[in-house]
């Protein structure tokens, strides 16, 4: 029973679990920011290319 109590105490003192959760949350936020930035850049690039194609007299789809 003493070994079980010591293992529970080690688990409660250990910071591995919370640290892993913090890293997972940070990674998720980074992914969301990257996807938003890529989407925004893609939209702006598409608008620019369509504008240039229109000014050159080409057809845009």
PDB file of N, CA and C in Angstrom:
ATOM      1  N   UNK A   1       0.835  -1.194   0.000  1.00  0.00           N
ATOM      2  CA  UNK A   1       0.000   0.000   0.000  1.00  0.00           C
ATOM      3  C   UNK A   1       0.875   1.251   0.000  1.00  0.00           C
ATOM      4  N   UNK A   2       2.027   1.140   0.672  1.00  0.00           N
ATOM      5  CA  UNK A   2       2.933   2.283   0.731  1.00  0.00           C
ATOM      6  C   UNK A   2       3.504   2.594  -0.651  1.00  0.00           C
ATOM      7  N   UNK A   3       3.771   1.549  -1.438  1.00  0.00           N
ATOM      8  CA  UNK A   3       4.296   1.745  -2.793  1.00  0.00           C
ATOM      9  C   UNK A   3       3.264   2.451  -3.666  1.00  0.00           C
ATOM     10  N   UNK A   4       1.997   2.090  -3.502  1.00  0.00           N
ATOM     11  CA  UNK A   4       0.940   2.744  -4.263  1.00  0.00           C
ATOM     12  C   UNK A   4       0.836   4.218  -3.894  1.00  0.00           C
ATOM     13  N   UNK A   5       0.913   4.520  -2.609  1.00  0.00           N
ATOM     14  CA  UNK A   5       0.841   5.913  -2.155  1.00  0.00           C
ATOM     15  C   UNK A   5       2.029   6.708  -2.698  1.00  0.00           C
ATOM     16  N   UNK A   6       3.204   6.097  -2.731  1.00  0.00           N
ATOM     17  CA  UNK A   6       4.381   6.788  -3.281  1.00  0.00           C
ATOM     18  C   UNK A   6       4.237   7.030  -4.780  1.00  0.00           C
ATOM     19  N   UNK A   7       3.691   6.060  -5.497  1.00  0.00           N
ATOM     20  CA  UNK A   7       3.522   6.253  -6.931  1.00  0.00           C
ATOM     21  C   UNK A   7       2.477   7.338  -7.217  1.00  0.00           C
ATOM     22  N   UNK A   8       1.417   7.412  -6.409  1.00  0.00           N
ATOM     23  CA  UNK A   8       0.420   8.475  -6.569  1.00  0.00           C
ATOM     24  C   UNK A   8       1.048   9.826  -6.258  1.00  0.00           C
ATOM     25  N   UNK A   9       1.869   9.868  -5.229  1.00  0.00           N
ATOM     26  CA  UNK A   9       2.539  11.123  -4.866  1.00  0.00           C
ATOM     27  C   UNK A   9       3.483  11.570  -5.991  1.00  0.00           C
ATOM     28  N   UNK A  10       4.238  10.629  -6.574  1.00  0.00           N
ATOM     29  CA  UNK A  10       5.127  10.969  -7.682  1.00  0.00           C
ATOM     30  C   UNK A  10       4.335  11.485  -8.877  1.00  0.00           C
ATOM     31  N   UNK A  11       3.179  10.866  -9.146  1.00  0.00           N
ATOM     32  CA  UNK A  11       2.345  11.294 -10.267  1.00  0.00           C
ATOM     33  C   UNK A  11       1.829  12.717 -10.052  1.00  0.00           C
ATOM     34  N   UNK A  12       1.405  13.024  -8.831  1.00  0.00           N
ATOM     35  CA  UNK A  12       0.873  14.350  -8.548  1.00  0.00           C
ATOM     36  C   UNK A  12       1.954  15.423  -8.579  1.00  0.00           C
ATOM     37  N   UNK A  13       3.180  15.070  -8.198  1.00  0.00           N
ATOM     38  CA  UNK A  13       4.278  16.031  -8.193  1.00  0.00           C
ATOM     39  C   UNK A  13       4.855  16.205  -9.593  1.00  0.00           C
ATOM     40  N   UNK A  14       4.799  15.164 -10.404  1.00  0.00           N
ATOM     41  CA  UNK A  14       5.365  15.198 -11.754  1.00  0.00           C
ATOM     42  C   UNK A  14       4.676  16.266 -12.595  1.00  0.00           C
ATOM     43  N   UNK A  15       5.471  16.948 -13.414  1.00  0.00           N
ATOM     44  CA  UNK A  15       4.928  17.995 -14.271  1.00  0.00           C
ATOM     45  C   UNK A  15       4.921  17.573 -15.743  1.00  0.00           C
ATOM     46  N   UNK A  16       5.118  16.307 -16.014  1.00  0.00           N
ATOM     47  CA  UNK A  16       5.151  15.837 -17.397  1.00  0.00           C
ATOM     48  C   UNK A  16       3.798  15.972 -18.077  1.00  0.00           C
ATOM     49  N   UNK A  17       2.726  15.621 -17.378  1.00  0.00           N
ATOM     50  CA  UNK A  17       1.391  15.699 -17.962  1.00  0.00           C
ATOM     51  C   UNK A  17       0.998  17.114 -18.336  1.00  0.00           C
ATOM     52  N   UNK A  18       1.039  18.049 -17.390  1.00  0.00           N
ATOM     53  CA  UNK A  18       0.676  19.432 -17.729  1.00  0.00           C
ATOM     54  C   UNK A  18       1.576  20.032 -18.802  1.00  0.00           C
ATOM     55  N   UNK A  19       2.840  19.693 -18.795  1.00  0.00           N
ATOM     56  CA  UNK A  19       3.747  20.229 -19.796  1.00  0.00           C
ATOM     57  C   UNK A  19       3.353  19.725 -21.186  1.00  0.00           C
ATOM     58  N   UNK A  20       3.006  18.468 -21.295  1.00  0.00           N
ATOM     59  CA  UNK A  20       2.586  17.908 -22.574  1.00  0.00           C
ATOM     60  C   UNK A  20       1.306  18.589 -23.062  1.00  0.00           C
ATOM     61  N   UNK A  21       0.386  18.856 -22.164  1.00  0.00           N
ATOM     62  CA  UNK A  21      -0.855  19.530 -22.531  1.00  0.00           C
ATOM     63  C   UNK A  21      -0.561  20.948 -23.008  1.00  0.00           C
ATOM     64  N   UNK A  22       0.332  21.637 -22.326  1.00  0.00           N
ATOM     65  CA  UNK A  22       0.698  22.997 -22.736  1.00  0.00           C
ATOM     66  C   UNK A  22       1.319  22.994 -24.127  1.00  0.00           C
ATOM     67  N   UNK A  23       2.200  22.049 -24.400  1.00  0.00           N
ATOM     68  CA  UNK A  23       2.807  21.955 -25.725  1.00  0.00           C
ATOM     69  C   UNK A  23       1.756  21.653 -26.791  1.00  0.00           C
ATOM     70  N   UNK A  24       0.799  20.798 -26.474  1.00  0.00           N
ATOM     71  CA  UNK A  24      -0.262  20.465 -27.435  1.00  0.00           C
ATOM     72  C   UNK A  24      -1.121  21.686 -27.741  1.00  0.00           C
ATOM     73  N   UNK A  25      -1.438  22.472 -26.716  1.00  0.00           N
ATOM     74  CA  UNK A  25      -2.238  23.684 -26.932  1.00  0.00           C
ATOM     75  C   UNK A  25      -1.450  24.690 -27.765  1.00  0.00           C
ATOM     76  N   UNK A  26      -0.168  24.870 -27.464  1.00  0.00           N
ATOM     77  CA  UNK A  26       0.655  25.797 -28.245  1.00  0.00           C
ATOM     78  C   UNK A  26       0.738  25.344 -29.704  1.00  0.00           C
ATOM     79  N   UNK A  27       0.919  24.047 -29.927  1.00  0.00           N
ATOM     80  CA  UNK A  27       0.997  23.517 -31.281  1.00  0.00           C
ATOM     81  C   UNK A  27      -0.308  23.755 -32.032  1.00  0.00           C
ATOM     82  N   UNK A  28      -1.436  23.539 -31.367  1.00  0.00           N
ATOM     83  CA  UNK A  28      -2.733  23.767 -32.000  1.00  0.00           C
ATOM     84  C   UNK A  28      -2.896  25.238 -32.383  1.00  0.00           C
ATOM     85  N   UNK A  29      -2.491  26.145 -31.516  1.00  0.00           N
ATOM     86  CA  UNK A  29      -2.591  27.575 -31.820  1.00  0.00           C
ATOM     87  C   UNK A  29      -1.688  27.956 -32.986  1.00  0.00           C
ATOM     88  N   UNK A  30      -0.494  27.402 -33.025  1.00  0.00           N
ATOM     89  CA  UNK A  30       0.425  27.684 -34.127  1.00  0.00           C
ATOM     90  C   UNK A  30      -0.160  27.191 -35.445  1.00  0.00           C
ATOM     91  N   UNK A  31      -0.753  26.012 -35.451  1.00  0.00           N
ATOM     92  CA  UNK A  31      -1.358  25.462 -36.661  1.00  0.00           C
ATOM     93  C   UNK A  31      -2.503  26.352 -37.139  1.00  0.00           C
ATOM     94  N   UNK A  32      -3.343  26.821 -36.207  1.00  0.00           N
ATOM     95  CA  UNK A  32      -4.462  27.687 -36.579  1.00  0.00           C
ATOM     96  C   UNK A  32      -3.956  28.988 -37.181  1.00  0.00           C
ATOM     97  N   UNK A  33      -2.930  29.584 -36.575  1.00  0.00           N
ATOM     98  CA  UNK A  33      -2.369  30.831 -37.099  1.00  0.00           C
ATOM     99  C   UNK A  33      -1.765  30.607 -38.484  1.00  0.00           C
ATOM    100  N   UNK A  34      -1.047  29.517 -38.670  1.00  0.00           N
ATOM    101  CA  UNK A  34      -0.447  29.224 -39.980  1.00  0.00           C
ATOM    102  C   UNK A  34      -1.513  29.017 -41.046  1.00  0.00           C
ATOM    103  N   UNK A  35      -2.552  28.273 -40.744  1.00  0.00           N
ATOM    104  CA  UNK A  35      -3.609  28.045 -41.721  1.00  0.00           C
ATOM    105  C   UNK A  35      -4.321  29.342 -42.080  1.00  0.00           C
ATOM    106  N   UNK A  36      -4.552  30.195 -41.098  1.00  0.00           N
ATOM    107  CA  UNK A  36      -5.194  31.483 -41.364  1.00  0.00           C
ATOM    108  C   UNK A  36      -4.315  32.346 -42.248  1.00  0.00           C
ATOM    109  N   UNK A  37      -3.027  32.380 -41.953  1.00  0.00           N
ATOM    110  CA  UNK A  37      -2.098  33.193 -42.749  1.00  0.00           C
ATOM    111  C   UNK A  37      -2.006  32.668 -44.176  1.00  0.00           C
ATOM    112  N   UNK A  38      -1.910  31.372 -44.342  1.00  0.00           N
ATOM    113  CA  UNK A  38      -1.815  30.784 -45.680  1.00  0.00           C
ATOM    114  C   UNK A  38      -3.085  31.056 -46.474  1.00  0.00           C
ATOM    115  N   UNK A  39      -4.226  30.943 -45.846  1.00  0.00           N
ATOM    116  CA  UNK A  39      -5.489  31.226 -46.516  1.00  0.00           C
ATOM    117  C   UNK A  39      -5.562  32.685 -46.946  1.00  0.00           C
ATOM    118  N   UNK A  40      -5.150  33.575 -46.074  1.00  0.00           N
ATOM    119  CA  UNK A  40      -5.177  35.009 -46.393  1.00  0.00           C
ATOM    120  C   UNK A  40      -4.215  35.340 -47.530  1.00  0.00           C
ATOM    121  N   UNK A  41      -3.024  34.793 -47.483  1.00  0.00           N
ATOM    122  CA  UNK A  41      -2.032  35.039 -48.541  1.00  0.00           C
ATOM    123  C   UNK A  41      -2.539  34.481 -49.868  1.00  0.00           C
ATOM    124  N   UNK A  42      -3.153  33.308 -49.841  1.00  0.00           N
ATOM    125  CA  UNK A  42      -3.689  32.712 -51.061  1.00  0.00           C
ATOM    126  C   UNK A  42      -4.789  33.560 -51.674  1.00  0.00           C
ATOM    127  N   UNK A  43      -5.670  34.085 -50.830  1.00  0.00           N
ATOM    128  CA  UNK A  43      -6.750  34.942 -51.325  1.00  0.00           C
ATOM    129  C   UNK A  43      -6.185  36.221 -51.929  1.00  0.00           C
ATOM    130  N   UNK A  44      -5.229  36.834 -51.253  1.00  0.00           N
ATOM    131  CA  UNK A  44      -4.623  38.059 -51.769  1.00  0.00           C
ATOM    132  C   UNK A  44      -3.875  37.801 -53.075  1.00  0.00           C
ATOM    133  N   UNK A  45      -3.182  36.704 -53.170  1.00  0.00           N
ATOM    134  CA  UNK A  45      -2.454  36.375 -54.398  1.00  0.00           C
ATOM    135  C   UNK A  45      -3.428  36.136 -55.543  1.00  0.00           C
ATOM    136  N   UNK A  46      -4.502  35.444 -55.276  1.00  0.00           N
ATOM    137  CA  UNK A  46      -5.500  35.179 -56.307  1.00  0.00           C
ATOM    138  C   UNK A  46      -6.108  36.488 -56.812  1.00  0.00           C
ATOM    139  N   UNK A  47      -6.424  37.394 -55.914  1.00  0.00           N
ATOM    140  CA  UNK A  47      -6.971  38.693 -56.300  1.00  0.00           C
ATOM    141  C   UNK A  47      -5.971  39.471 -57.146  1.00  0.00           C
ATOM    142  N   UNK A  48      -4.714  39.445 -56.753  1.00  0.00           N
ATOM    143  CA  UNK A  48      -3.674  40.158 -57.508  1.00  0.00           C
ATOM    144  C   UNK A  48      -3.505  39.575 -58.899  1.00  0.00           C
ATOM    145  N   UNK A  49      -3.441  38.261 -59.014  1.00  0.00           N
ATOM    146  CA  UNK A  49      -3.278  37.625 -60.322  1.00  0.00           C
ATOM    147  C   UNK A  49      -4.475  37.912 -61.224  1.00  0.00           C
ATOM    148  N   UNK A  50      -5.681  37.883 -60.661  1.00  0.00           N
ATOM    149  CA  UNK A  50      -6.870  38.187 -61.462  1.00  0.00           C
ATOM    150  C   UNK A  50      -6.850  39.646 -61.932  1.00  0.00           C
ATOM    151  N   UNK A  51      -6.408  40.545 -61.079  1.00  0.00           N
ATOM    152  CA  UNK A  51      -6.320  41.958 -61.445  1.00  0.00           C
ATOM    153  C   UNK A  51      -5.324  42.159 -62.580  1.00  0.00           C
ATOM    154  N   UNK A  52      -4.164  41.530 -62.481  1.00  0.00           N
ATOM    155  CA  UNK A  52      -3.141  41.650 -63.520  1.00  0.00           C
ATOM    156  C   UNK A  52      -3.656  41.035 -64.823  1.00  0.00           C
ATOM    157  N   UNK A  53      -4.318  39.898 -64.758  1.00  0.00           N
ATOM    158  CA  UNK A  53      -4.842  39.249 -65.956  1.00  0.00           C
ATOM    159  C   UNK A  53      -5.893  40.123 -66.633  1.00  0.00           C
ATOM    160  N   UNK A  54      -6.719  40.772 -65.840  1.00  0.00           N
ATOM    161  CA  UNK A  54      -7.746  41.664 -66.403  1.00  0.00           C
ATOM    162  C   UNK A  54      -7.103  42.861 -67.093  1.00  0.00           C
ATOM    163  N   UNK A  55      -6.083  43.441 -66.460  1.00  0.00           N
ATOM    164  CA  UNK A  55      -5.406  44.604 -67.044  1.00  0.00           C
ATOM    165  C   UNK A  55      -4.637  44.241 -68.313  1.00  0.00           C
ATOM    166  N   UNK A  56      -4.165  43.015 -68.389  1.00  0.00           N
ATOM    167  CA  UNK A  56      -3.453  42.567 -69.585  1.00  0.00           C
ATOM    168  C   UNK A  56      -4.407  42.118 -70.687  1.00  0.00           C
ATOM    169  N   UNK A  57      -5.684  42.039 -70.374  1.00  0.00           N
ATOM    170  CA  UNK A  57      -6.665  41.632 -71.370  1.00  0.00           C
ATOM    171  C   UNK A  57      -6.866  40.147 -71.456  1.00  0.00           C
ATOM    172  N   UNK A  58      -6.331  39.412 -70.498  1.00  0.00           N
ATOM    173  CA  UNK A  58      -6.504  37.962 -70.501  1.00  0.00           C
ATOM    174  C   UNK A  58      -7.828  37.582 -69.892  1.00  0.00           C
ATOM    175  N   UNK A  59      -8.100  36.315 -69.907  1.00  0.00           N
ATOM    176  CA  UNK A  59      -9.334  35.827 -69.298  1.00  0.00           C
ATOM    177  C   UNK A  59      -9.002  35.266 -67.932  1.00  0.00           C
ATOM    178  N   UNK A  60      -9.865  35.509 -66.998  1.00  0.00           N
ATOM    179  CA  UNK A  60      -9.666  34.940 -65.662  1.00  0.00           C
ATOM    180  C   UNK A  60     -10.815  33.996 -65.354  1.00  0.00           C
ATOM    181  N   UNK A  61     -10.515  32.961 -64.625  1.00  0.00           N
ATOM    182  CA  UNK A  61     -11.543  31.980 -64.316  1.00  0.00           C
ATOM    183  C   UNK A  61     -11.962  32.072 -62.886  1.00  0.00           C
TER     184      UNK A  61
END
